[in-house]
Each structure stands twice: as structure tokens, then as C-alpha cells.
Amino acid sequence: MSIKLIASDIDGTFLDDQHEFDRTRFQNQLDEMNRRGIHFVVASGNQYLHCTKVMTGINGDLTYVAEDGALIVEKGKMLDSSPIEPELWQKVVTSVDEQPILANAVIILSGEKAAHTNVTPQNEVWGRTGYFYENLTHASDFSTVTDEIYKVDVNWPDLADIRDKYNVLTTEFGNQLTEVMSGYSGIDIIKPHVTKAYGLVQLQRIWNVSMAETMTFGDNQNDAEMLKHAKYGYAMKNASPEAKAATSLVTPLDNNHSGVLDMIDRVLNDQI
């Protein structure tokens, strides 16, 4: 059966470690995918505005499952939106502020209009954070934020392993919220039903595409459900243990060697 939908995470998957990809090669692939009626989906934990910026200059039919599935946009049209209730994201902020084990966390509320953070522009973290978020805004008091918030990103940029903090947060909010490790020492906190797989299911239904006709790529825990929801769910060669545990398939090449583009070529050359 032919592939009709290809969905890929961005950072650590589609992009190399310098946040780049071979634009000419992918543009040629996208032209061919569009010609054949194969949908390409950018499936990311990142803000929608950031995802579109990554694809600046690429022309063709692209669909976005952003904010770990909390926002689905096709051809500029919002298909689905799952913001967090204000009282819930405020509860997250309070919990992170009060627990010593979670000290020194960078908190980012990823919203519809902007990204609101406790980091100031004078902090060296601002530049690194600004890459992932458009309209980054310092919030001296999160309670004044009125934006629709899709995700709370809690991260510790200088730590290599944040599993102890993840274990604490997973016990905090019961079934009201879900926590997933997203890479770059971050934890994404979202609505319980929100996953990249949730976004993928909506698109499969709209496009009448089966799991057997779906290929996905990811490198971290927040990709795991999406990898399980495709017959061809590939963890990257450089993926975390959590991503590799979700599937038996691993890309031959890592993100620094165009692992996703290599697999797309195999699809287009009928090698899958």
C-alpha cells in the first residue's frame, strides 16, 4: 500500500543540530509529494509561528500539528485548537515556583499571540529561547497574561537529564494535564487528550488516510504516540530511549545526515 501521509517532528529529527535542512532537496521532494497527493505534516511541540518560520521559503502544501497537537493548521486555516484553561496553567506556574527540586526553571507560556516567559532579555537564555518562540515577551507576573495558552514549557537549559523533575511533575496534576519530555532539557505540559497522535488522527480522518498509509518520524518522548500511530513510525537513529521504545523502526541516518529526507527519497523511489 502506498504512503499518503508523512509527518515529521522538527528539532532533532527534520533539522540538524544547527537547526538547518537541505532546502533545495526538500523543495524538490515536496513538489513531487504534492504532485502525487502525499500530504506532508510538520508535527512539532513548538509554537505554530516558529514552525512556519522554519519552513520560510518552502512553497507547497504543508500542514502543521503544532504545540504537541494542541493546534492544527492546514493552508492557514485552523482545524482544531485545544488551549489550557487559565486556572490550570496558573496552577502549573505556582507549582514550579514553590518546589525546590524545580528551582531555576525557565517557564514559557506558549500562546496564540505571543510566548510569555519569566526570562528577561538581559539573560543569556533569552537568545536560546527566542529561537524557538516568536513574539517572545517577558512576563513579570504571569497572572496578567490573557492570551490563549496551548502549552506550558518548563525547561532547565543547563541540565543534561531532567527525568527527576519530570517524575515530580507527572504526579502534580492528576488527569487534568499531561507532561512529556520534549528535548533540550524541556517538559511540555498540555491538555490530556493532546498529543501529536491526536493531531495525526484528525488529519487521517479528514484526508481518509489509514495508519497503513502513514509514515512518521520523531526523536523524543513527545513523538512516541505519533510513532505508534503509523505503520511506518520511525524513531531517528539519534532518538532518545523513550522514542525508540515506541517502535521497532529506526532511520538508517541521523538528523545530522538528513535522515528524514533520506527516507522520503526511499518513499518516492518506491523503496518502502
C-alpha atoms as a PDB file:
ATOM      1  CA  MET A   1       0.000   0.000   0.000  1.00  0.00           C
ATOM      2  CA  SER A   2       1.359   3.450  -0.909  1.00  0.00           C
ATOM      3  CA  ILE A   3       2.259   6.148   1.600  1.00  0.00           C
ATOM      4  CA  LYS A   4      -0.257   9.016   1.601  1.00  0.00           C
ATOM      5  CA  LEU A   5       0.815  10.942   4.715  1.00  0.00           C
ATOM      6  CA  ILE A   6       4.294  11.740   6.042  1.00  0.00           C
ATOM      7  CA  ALA A   7       4.581  13.547   9.388  1.00  0.00           C
ATOM      8  CA  SER A   8       7.839  14.694  10.930  1.00  0.00           C
ATOM      9  CA  ASP A   9       8.971  16.321  14.135  1.00  0.00           C
ATOM     10  CA  ILE A  10      11.312  19.286  13.606  1.00  0.00           C
ATOM     11  CA  ASP A  11      14.152  19.661  16.114  1.00  0.00           C
ATOM     12  CA  GLY A  12      16.425  16.650  16.408  1.00  0.00           C
ATOM     13  CA  THR A  13      14.519  14.993  13.573  1.00  0.00           C
ATOM     14  CA  PHE A  14      13.923  17.028  10.426  1.00  0.00           C
ATOM     15  CA  LEU A  15      16.528  19.650  11.333  1.00  0.00           C
ATOM     16  CA  ASP A  16      20.194  19.044  12.061  1.00  0.00           C
ATOM     17  CA  ASP A  17      21.858  20.245  15.256  1.00  0.00           C
ATOM     18  CA  GLN A  18      22.393  23.687  13.683  1.00  0.00           C
ATOM     19  CA  HIS A  19      18.625  23.941  13.027  1.00  0.00           C
ATOM     20  CA  GLU A  20      19.113  23.628   9.276  1.00  0.00           C
ATOM     21  CA  PHE A  21      17.956  21.297   6.488  1.00  0.00           C
ATOM     22  CA  ASP A  22      18.681  20.872   2.782  1.00  0.00           C
ATOM     23  CA  ARG A  23      16.042  23.252   1.446  1.00  0.00           C
ATOM     24  CA  THR A  24      16.609  22.557  -2.242  1.00  0.00           C
ATOM     25  CA  ARG A  25      16.378  18.805  -1.724  1.00  0.00           C
ATOM     26  CA  PHE A  26      13.215  19.081   0.373  1.00  0.00           C
ATOM     27  CA  GLN A  27      11.571  21.549  -2.028  1.00  0.00           C
ATOM     28  CA  ASN A  28      12.053  19.035  -4.835  1.00  0.00           C
ATOM     29  CA  GLN A  29      10.629  16.297  -2.619  1.00  0.00           C
ATOM     30  CA  LEU A  30       7.643  18.422  -1.615  1.00  0.00           C
ATOM     31  CA  ASP A  31       6.904  19.247  -5.248  1.00  0.00           C
ATOM     32  CA  GLU A  32       6.806  15.531  -6.001  1.00  0.00           C
ATOM     33  CA  MET A  33       4.766  14.707  -2.881  1.00  0.00           C
ATOM     34  CA  ASN A  34       2.234  17.380  -3.819  1.00  0.00           C
ATOM     35  CA  ARG A  35       2.071  16.008  -7.347  1.00  0.00           C
ATOM     36  CA  ARG A  36       1.382  12.510  -6.042  1.00  0.00           C
ATOM     37  CA  GLY A  37      -1.124  13.641  -3.433  1.00  0.00           C
ATOM     38  CA  ILE A  38       1.092  12.747  -0.462  1.00  0.00           C
ATOM     39  CA  HIS A  39       0.424  15.043   2.499  1.00  0.00           C
ATOM     40  CA  PHE A  40       3.413  16.387   4.437  1.00  0.00           C
ATOM     41  CA  VAL A  41       2.806  17.364   8.055  1.00  0.00           C
ATOM     42  CA  VAL A  42       5.135  19.348  10.309  1.00  0.00           C
ATOM     43  CA  ALA A  43       4.392  17.785  13.722  1.00  0.00           C
ATOM     44  CA  SER A  44       6.118  19.714  16.468  1.00  0.00           C
ATOM     45  CA  GLY A  45       5.977  20.609  20.121  1.00  0.00           C
ATOM     46  CA  ASN A  46       6.953  24.091  19.008  1.00  0.00           C
ATOM     47  CA  GLN A  47       4.822  27.172  18.579  1.00  0.00           C
ATOM     48  CA  TYR A  48       2.943  27.394  15.269  1.00  0.00           C
ATOM     49  CA  LEU A  49       4.603  30.705  14.380  1.00  0.00           C
ATOM     50  CA  HIS A  50       8.016  29.116  14.886  1.00  0.00           C
ATOM     51  CA  CYS A  51       7.114  26.122  12.727  1.00  0.00           C
ATOM     52  CA  THR A  52       6.078  28.359   9.836  1.00  0.00           C
ATOM     53  CA  LYS A  53       9.303  30.352  10.220  1.00  0.00           C
ATOM     54  CA  VAL A  54      11.348  27.143   9.909  1.00  0.00           C
ATOM     55  CA  MET A  55       9.604  26.487   6.586  1.00  0.00           C
ATOM     56  CA  THR A  56      10.050  30.028   5.252  1.00  0.00           C
ATOM     57  CA  GLY A  57      10.828  29.906   1.539  1.00  0.00           C
ATOM     58  CA  ILE A  58       9.397  26.416   1.051  1.00  0.00           C
ATOM     59  CA  ASN A  59       6.498  26.531  -1.395  1.00  0.00           C
ATOM     60  CA  GLY A  60       3.757  23.934  -1.483  1.00  0.00           C
ATOM     61  CA  ASP A  61       1.103  22.212   0.571  1.00  0.00           C
ATOM     62  CA  LEU A  62       2.241  21.980   4.206  1.00  0.00           C
ATOM     63  CA  THR A  63       0.091  21.170   7.224  1.00  0.00           C
ATOM     64  CA  TYR A  64       1.077  21.914  10.830  1.00  0.00           C
ATOM     65  CA  VAL A  65       0.385  19.955  14.005  1.00  0.00           C
ATOM     66  CA  ALA A  66       1.927  22.408  16.470  1.00  0.00           C
ATOM     67  CA  GLU A  67       2.138  22.711  20.258  1.00  0.00           C
ATOM     68  CA  ASP A  68       2.323  18.887  20.577  1.00  0.00           C
ATOM     69  CA  GLY A  69      -1.061  18.598  18.843  1.00  0.00           C
ATOM     70  CA  ALA A  70      -2.882  21.458  20.589  1.00  0.00           C
ATOM     71  CA  LEU A  71      -3.124  23.398  17.327  1.00  0.00           C
ATOM     72  CA  ILE A  72      -3.741  22.012  13.826  1.00  0.00           C
ATOM     73  CA  VAL A  73      -3.467  24.317  10.815  1.00  0.00           C
ATOM     74  CA  GLU A  74      -3.875  23.419   7.138  1.00  0.00           C
ATOM     75  CA  LYS A  75      -3.200  26.007   4.444  1.00  0.00           C
ATOM     76  CA  GLY A  76      -3.515  28.777   7.011  1.00  0.00           C
ATOM     77  CA  LYS A  77      -6.880  27.518   8.294  1.00  0.00           C
ATOM     78  CA  MET A  78      -7.194  26.420  11.927  1.00  0.00           C
ATOM     79  CA  LEU A  79      -8.737  22.940  12.016  1.00  0.00           C
ATOM     80  CA  ASP A  80      -8.501  22.227  15.753  1.00  0.00           C
ATOM     81  CA  SER A  81      -7.479  24.096  18.894  1.00  0.00           C
ATOM     82  CA  SER A  82      -7.037  22.863  22.489  1.00  0.00           C
ATOM     83  CA  PRO A  83      -5.985  25.705  24.814  1.00  0.00           C
ATOM     84  CA  ILE A  84      -5.348  25.111  28.529  1.00  0.00           C
ATOM     85  CA  GLU A  85      -7.830  26.671  30.947  1.00  0.00           C
ATOM     86  CA  PRO A  86      -6.230  29.687  32.727  1.00  0.00           C
ATOM     87  CA  GLU A  87      -6.722  28.201  36.186  1.00  0.00           C
ATOM     88  CA  LEU A  88      -4.797  25.090  35.126  1.00  0.00           C
ATOM     89  CA  TRP A  89      -1.759  26.775  33.603  1.00  0.00           C
ATOM     90  CA  GLN A  90      -1.665  29.128  36.604  1.00  0.00           C
ATOM     91  CA  LYS A  91      -1.597  26.046  38.822  1.00  0.00           C
ATOM     92  CA  VAL A  92       1.455  24.807  36.895  1.00  0.00           C
ATOM     93  CA  VAL A  93       3.295  28.099  37.346  1.00  0.00           C
ATOM     94  CA  THR A  94       2.573  28.108  41.083  1.00  0.00           C
ATOM     95  CA  SER A  95       3.713  24.510  41.498  1.00  0.00           C
ATOM     96  CA  VAL A  96       7.007  25.096  39.675  1.00  0.00           C
ATOM     97  CA  ASP A  97       7.699  28.232  41.693  1.00  0.00           C
ATOM     98  CA  GLU A  98       7.072  26.549  45.048  1.00  0.00           C
ATOM     99  CA  GLN A  99       9.047  23.291  44.728  1.00  0.00           C
ATOM    100  CA  PRO A 100      12.814  23.383  45.442  1.00  0.00           C
ATOM    101  CA  ILE A 101      13.519  20.484  43.073  1.00  0.00           C
ATOM    102  CA  LEU A 102      12.056  22.573  40.247  1.00  0.00           C
ATOM    103  CA  ALA A 103      14.068  25.687  41.093  1.00  0.00           C
ATOM    104  CA  ASN A 104      15.665  27.811  38.374  1.00  0.00           C
ATOM    105  CA  ALA A 105      13.181  26.658  35.756  1.00  0.00           C
ATOM    106  CA  VAL A 106      12.599  28.662  32.624  1.00  0.00           C
ATOM    107  CA  ILE A 107       8.831  28.879  32.212  1.00  0.00           C
ATOM    108  CA  ILE A 108       7.263  29.697  28.859  1.00  0.00           C
ATOM    109  CA  LEU A 109       3.541  30.011  28.217  1.00  0.00           C
ATOM    110  CA  SER A 110       3.146  29.296  24.516  1.00  0.00           C
ATOM    111  CA  GLY A 111       0.184  31.348  23.385  1.00  0.00           C
ATOM    112  CA  GLU A 112      -1.780  32.285  20.305  1.00  0.00           C
ATOM    113  CA  LYS A 113      -0.367  35.811  20.100  1.00  0.00           C
ATOM    114  CA  ALA A 114       2.981  35.506  21.896  1.00  0.00           C
ATOM    115  CA  ALA A 115       5.229  33.410  24.113  1.00  0.00           C
ATOM    116  CA  HIS A 116       5.294  34.676  27.694  1.00  0.00           C
ATOM    117  CA  THR A 117       8.338  33.881  29.845  1.00  0.00           C
ATOM    118  CA  ASN A 118       9.907  34.577  33.218  1.00  0.00           C
ATOM    119  CA  VAL A 119      13.257  35.104  31.474  1.00  0.00           C
ATOM    120  CA  THR A 120      14.360  38.698  30.847  1.00  0.00           C
ATOM    121  CA  PRO A 121      16.019  39.965  27.641  1.00  0.00           C
ATOM    122  CA  GLN A 122      19.219  40.548  29.642  1.00  0.00           C
ATOM    123  CA  ASN A 123      19.519  36.841  30.490  1.00  0.00           C
ATOM    124  CA  GLU A 124      21.723  34.735  28.204  1.00  0.00           C
ATOM    125  CA  VAL A 125      18.894  32.179  27.996  1.00  0.00           C
ATOM    126  CA  TRP A 126      16.741  34.735  26.179  1.00  0.00           C
ATOM    127  CA  GLY A 127      18.608  34.287  22.898  1.00  0.00           C
ATOM    128  CA  ARG A 128      18.397  30.498  23.007  1.00  0.00           C
ATOM    129  CA  THR A 129      14.736  30.618  23.951  1.00  0.00           C
ATOM    130  CA  GLY A 130      13.997  33.216  21.294  1.00  0.00           C
ATOM    131  CA  TYR A 131      14.981  30.782  18.559  1.00  0.00           C
ATOM    132  CA  PHE A 132      12.051  28.506  19.415  1.00  0.00           C
ATOM    133  CA  TYR A 133       9.434  31.184  20.074  1.00  0.00           C
ATOM    134  CA  GLU A 134       8.208  34.097  18.015  1.00  0.00           C
ATOM    135  CA  ASN A 135       6.994  37.237  19.822  1.00  0.00           C
ATOM    136  CA  LEU A 136       8.840  36.263  22.993  1.00  0.00           C
ATOM    137  CA  THR A 137       7.663  38.528  25.828  1.00  0.00           C
ATOM    138  CA  HIS A 138       8.881  38.896  29.386  1.00  0.00           C
ATOM    139  CA  ALA A 139       6.101  38.437  31.959  1.00  0.00           C
ATOM    140  CA  SER A 140       6.953  39.804  35.389  1.00  0.00           C
ATOM    141  CA  ASP A 141       3.586  38.498  36.591  1.00  0.00           C
ATOM    142  CA  PHE A 142       2.069  35.534  34.763  1.00  0.00           C
ATOM    143  CA  SER A 143      -1.356  36.269  36.265  1.00  0.00           C
ATOM    144  CA  THR A 144      -1.651  39.266  33.934  1.00  0.00           C
ATOM    145  CA  VAL A 145      -1.390  37.099  30.793  1.00  0.00           C
ATOM    146  CA  THR A 146      -4.710  36.987  28.903  1.00  0.00           C
ATOM    147  CA  ASP A 147      -3.520  35.118  25.797  1.00  0.00           C
ATOM    148  CA  GLU A 148      -4.874  31.684  24.839  1.00  0.00           C
ATOM    149  CA  ILE A 149      -2.219  29.273  26.166  1.00  0.00           C
ATOM    150  CA  TYR A 150      -1.695  25.977  24.351  1.00  0.00           C
ATOM    151  CA  LYS A 151       1.323  24.666  26.236  1.00  0.00           C
ATOM    152  CA  VAL A 152       3.458  25.335  29.289  1.00  0.00           C
ATOM    153  CA  ASP A 153       7.126  24.716  28.519  1.00  0.00           C
ATOM    154  CA  VAL A 154       9.234  24.190  31.646  1.00  0.00           C
ATOM    155  CA  ASN A 155      12.941  23.722  30.998  1.00  0.00           C
ATOM    156  CA  TRP A 156      16.367  23.758  32.582  1.00  0.00           C
ATOM    157  CA  PRO A 157      18.816  24.744  29.783  1.00  0.00           C
ATOM    158  CA  ASP A 158      21.980  23.793  31.667  1.00  0.00           C
ATOM    159  CA  LEU A 159      20.903  20.278  32.686  1.00  0.00           C
ATOM    160  CA  ALA A 160      21.501  17.195  30.561  1.00  0.00           C
ATOM    161  CA  ASP A 161      18.959  14.992  32.329  1.00  0.00           C
ATOM    162  CA  ILE A 162      15.684  16.306  33.769  1.00  0.00           C
ATOM    163  CA  ARG A 163      13.967  12.966  34.420  1.00  0.00           C
ATOM    164  CA  ASP A 164      13.872  13.608  38.185  1.00  0.00           C
ATOM    165  CA  LYS A 165      11.941  16.813  37.552  1.00  0.00           C
ATOM    166  CA  TYR A 166       9.703  15.062  35.041  1.00  0.00           C
ATOM    167  CA  ASN A 167       8.890  12.420  37.680  1.00  0.00           C
ATOM    168  CA  VAL A 168       7.831  15.160  40.106  1.00  0.00           C
ATOM    169  CA  LEU A 169       5.633  16.972  37.592  1.00  0.00           C
ATOM    170  CA  THR A 170       3.845  13.807  36.447  1.00  0.00           C
ATOM    171  CA  THR A 171       2.403  13.406  39.946  1.00  0.00           C
ATOM    172  CA  GLU A 172       1.259  17.006  40.303  1.00  0.00           C
ATOM    173  CA  PHE A 173      -1.839  17.463  38.165  1.00  0.00           C
ATOM    174  CA  GLY A 174      -3.552  14.069  38.042  1.00  0.00           C
ATOM    175  CA  ASN A 175      -5.599  13.586  34.885  1.00  0.00           C
ATOM    176  CA  GLN A 176      -6.042  17.330  34.377  1.00  0.00           C
ATOM    177  CA  LEU A 177      -2.825  17.756  32.394  1.00  0.00           C
ATOM    178  CA  THR A 178      -0.194  15.628  30.660  1.00  0.00           C
ATOM    179  CA  GLU A 179       3.590  16.033  30.801  1.00  0.00           C
ATOM    180  CA  VAL A 180       6.013  14.908  28.100  1.00  0.00           C
ATOM    181  CA  MET A 181       9.762  15.371  27.735  1.00  0.00           C
ATOM    182  CA  SER A 182      10.400  17.312  24.561  1.00  0.00           C
ATOM    183  CA  GLY A 183      14.175  17.551  24.238  1.00  0.00           C
ATOM    184  CA  TYR A 184      16.537  20.451  25.027  1.00  0.00           C
ATOM    185  CA  SER A 185      16.002  19.697  28.734  1.00  0.00           C
ATOM    186  CA  GLY A 186      12.348  20.644  28.500  1.00  0.00           C
ATOM    187  CA  ILE A 187       8.993  19.308  29.661  1.00  0.00           C
ATOM    188  CA  ASP A 188       5.834  20.217  27.758  1.00  0.00           C
ATOM    189  CA  ILE A 189       2.638  20.401  29.804  1.00  0.00           C
ATOM    190  CA  ILE A 190      -0.555  20.149  27.758  1.00  0.00           C
ATOM    191  CA  LYS A 191      -4.187  19.032  27.859  1.00  0.00           C
ATOM    192  CA  PRO A 192      -4.579  15.261  28.500  1.00  0.00           C
ATOM    193  CA  HIS A 193      -6.005  14.430  25.073  1.00  0.00           C
ATOM    194  CA  VAL A 194      -3.375  16.463  23.268  1.00  0.00           C
ATOM    195  CA  THR A 195      -0.585  14.515  21.581  1.00  0.00           C
ATOM    196  CA  LYS A 196       0.917  14.621  18.142  1.00  0.00           C
ATOM    197  CA  ALA A 197      -1.015  11.398  17.561  1.00  0.00           C
ATOM    198  CA  TYR A 198      -4.245  13.262  18.346  1.00  0.00           C
ATOM    199  CA  GLY A 199      -3.422  15.768  15.619  1.00  0.00           C
ATOM    200  CA  LEU A 200      -2.453  12.986  13.257  1.00  0.00           C
ATOM    201  CA  VAL A 201      -5.761  11.164  13.819  1.00  0.00           C
ATOM    202  CA  GLN A 202      -7.740  14.294  12.955  1.00  0.00           C
ATOM    203  CA  LEU A 203      -5.869  14.626   9.674  1.00  0.00           C
ATOM    204  CA  GLN A 204      -6.123  10.921   8.843  1.00  0.00           C
ATOM    205  CA  ARG A 205      -9.893  11.208   9.274  1.00  0.00           C
ATOM    206  CA  ILE A 206     -10.196  14.360   7.171  1.00  0.00           C
ATOM    207  CA  TRP A 207      -7.993  13.001   4.395  1.00  0.00           C
ATOM    208  CA  ASN A 208      -9.267   9.417   4.621  1.00  0.00           C
ATOM    209  CA  VAL A 209      -5.765   8.056   5.202  1.00  0.00           C
ATOM    210  CA  SER A 210      -5.167   4.828   7.144  1.00  0.00           C
ATOM    211  CA  MET A 211      -2.391   4.001   9.608  1.00  0.00           C
ATOM    212  CA  ALA A 212      -1.034   1.626   6.964  1.00  0.00           C
ATOM    213  CA  GLU A 213      -0.633   4.606   4.618  1.00  0.00           C
ATOM    214  CA  THR A 214       1.111   6.789   7.215  1.00  0.00           C
ATOM    215  CA  MET A 215       4.815   7.381   7.909  1.00  0.00           C
ATOM    216  CA  THR A 216       6.070   9.360  10.919  1.00  0.00           C
ATOM    217  CA  PHE A 217       9.425  10.486  12.309  1.00  0.00           C
ATOM    218  CA  GLY A 218      10.463  11.600  15.790  1.00  0.00           C
ATOM    219  CA  ASP A 219      13.285  11.668  18.299  1.00  0.00           C
ATOM    220  CA  ASN A 220      11.776  12.225  21.733  1.00  0.00           C
ATOM    221  CA  GLN A 221       9.092  11.203  24.209  1.00  0.00           C
ATOM    222  CA  ASN A 222       6.554  13.664  22.815  1.00  0.00           C
ATOM    223  CA  ASP A 223       6.811  11.819  19.479  1.00  0.00           C
ATOM    224  CA  ALA A 224       6.145   8.352  20.917  1.00  0.00           C
ATOM    225  CA  GLU A 225       2.367   8.241  20.421  1.00  0.00           C
ATOM    226  CA  MET A 226       2.701   9.541  16.875  1.00  0.00           C
ATOM    227  CA  LEU A 227       5.251   6.837  16.086  1.00  0.00           C
ATOM    228  CA  LYS A 228       2.835   4.206  17.366  1.00  0.00           C
ATOM    229  CA  HIS A 229       0.014   5.575  15.228  1.00  0.00           C
ATOM    230  CA  ALA A 230       1.639   4.789  11.891  1.00  0.00           C
ATOM    231  CA  LYS A 231       2.606   1.531  10.271  1.00  0.00           C
ATOM    232  CA  TYR A 232       5.849   3.222   9.308  1.00  0.00           C
ATOM    233  CA  GLY A 233       6.682   5.004  12.559  1.00  0.00           C
ATOM    234  CA  TYR A 234      10.427   5.715  12.583  1.00  0.00           C
ATOM    235  CA  ALA A 235      12.477   6.800  15.562  1.00  0.00           C
ATOM    236  CA  MET A 236      15.539   8.694  14.453  1.00  0.00           C
ATOM    237  CA  LYS A 237      18.918   6.992  14.715  1.00  0.00           C
ATOM    238  CA  ASN A 238      19.786   9.716  17.259  1.00  0.00           C
ATOM    239  CA  ALA A 239      16.475   9.366  19.152  1.00  0.00           C
ATOM    240  CA  SER A 240      16.017   9.162  22.910  1.00  0.00           C
ATOM    241  CA  PRO A 241      15.300   5.784  24.555  1.00  0.00           C
ATOM    242  CA  GLU A 242      11.677   6.858  25.058  1.00  0.00           C
ATOM    243  CA  ALA A 243      11.170   7.359  21.330  1.00  0.00           C
ATOM    244  CA  LYS A 244      12.960   4.156  20.327  1.00  0.00           C
ATOM    245  CA  ALA A 245      10.853   2.167  22.814  1.00  0.00           C
ATOM    246  CA  ALA A 246       7.723   3.214  20.909  1.00  0.00           C
ATOM    247  CA  THR A 247       8.637   1.499  17.628  1.00  0.00           C
ATOM    248  CA  SER A 248      10.766  -1.224  16.099  1.00  0.00           C
ATOM    249  CA  LEU A 249      11.761   1.021  13.187  1.00  0.00           C
ATOM    250  CA  VAL A 250      14.831   3.279  13.250  1.00  0.00           C
ATOM    251  CA  THR A 251      16.117   5.502  10.436  1.00  0.00           C
ATOM    252  CA  PRO A 252      19.437   4.424   8.898  1.00  0.00           C
ATOM    253  CA  LEU A 253      20.714   8.031   9.113  1.00  0.00           C
ATOM    254  CA  ASP A 254      20.520  10.523  11.978  1.00  0.00           C
ATOM    255  CA  ASN A 255      19.243  14.109  11.913  1.00  0.00           C
ATOM    256  CA  ASN A 256      22.703  15.479  11.060  1.00  0.00           C
ATOM    257  CA  HIS A 257      22.755  13.396   7.883  1.00  0.00           C
ATOM    258  CA  SER A 258      19.271  14.229   6.538  1.00  0.00           C
ATOM    259  CA  GLY A 259      17.722  11.077   7.958  1.00  0.00           C
ATOM    260  CA  VAL A 260      14.146  12.163   7.197  1.00  0.00           C
ATOM    261  CA  LEU A 261      14.945  13.357   3.679  1.00  0.00           C
ATOM    262  CA  ASP A 262      16.699  10.061   3.023  1.00  0.00           C
ATOM    263  CA  MET A 263      13.534   8.167   3.965  1.00  0.00           C
ATOM    264  CA  ILE A 264      11.339  10.459   1.851  1.00  0.00           C
ATOM    265  CA  ASP A 265      13.570   9.677  -1.124  1.00  0.00           C
ATOM    266  CA  ARG A 266      13.038   5.980  -0.441  1.00  0.00           C
ATOM    267  CA  VAL A 267       9.271   6.510  -0.483  1.00  0.00           C
ATOM    268  CA  LEU A 268       9.381   8.484  -3.716  1.00  0.00           C
ATOM    269  CA  ASN A 269      11.640   5.861  -5.300  1.00  0.00           C
ATOM    270  CA  ASP A 270       9.272   3.060  -4.254  1.00  0.00           C
ATOM    271  CA  GLN A 271      11.856   1.524  -1.924  1.00  0.00           C
ATOM    272  CA  ILE A 272       9.435   1.281   1.021  1.00  0.00           C
END
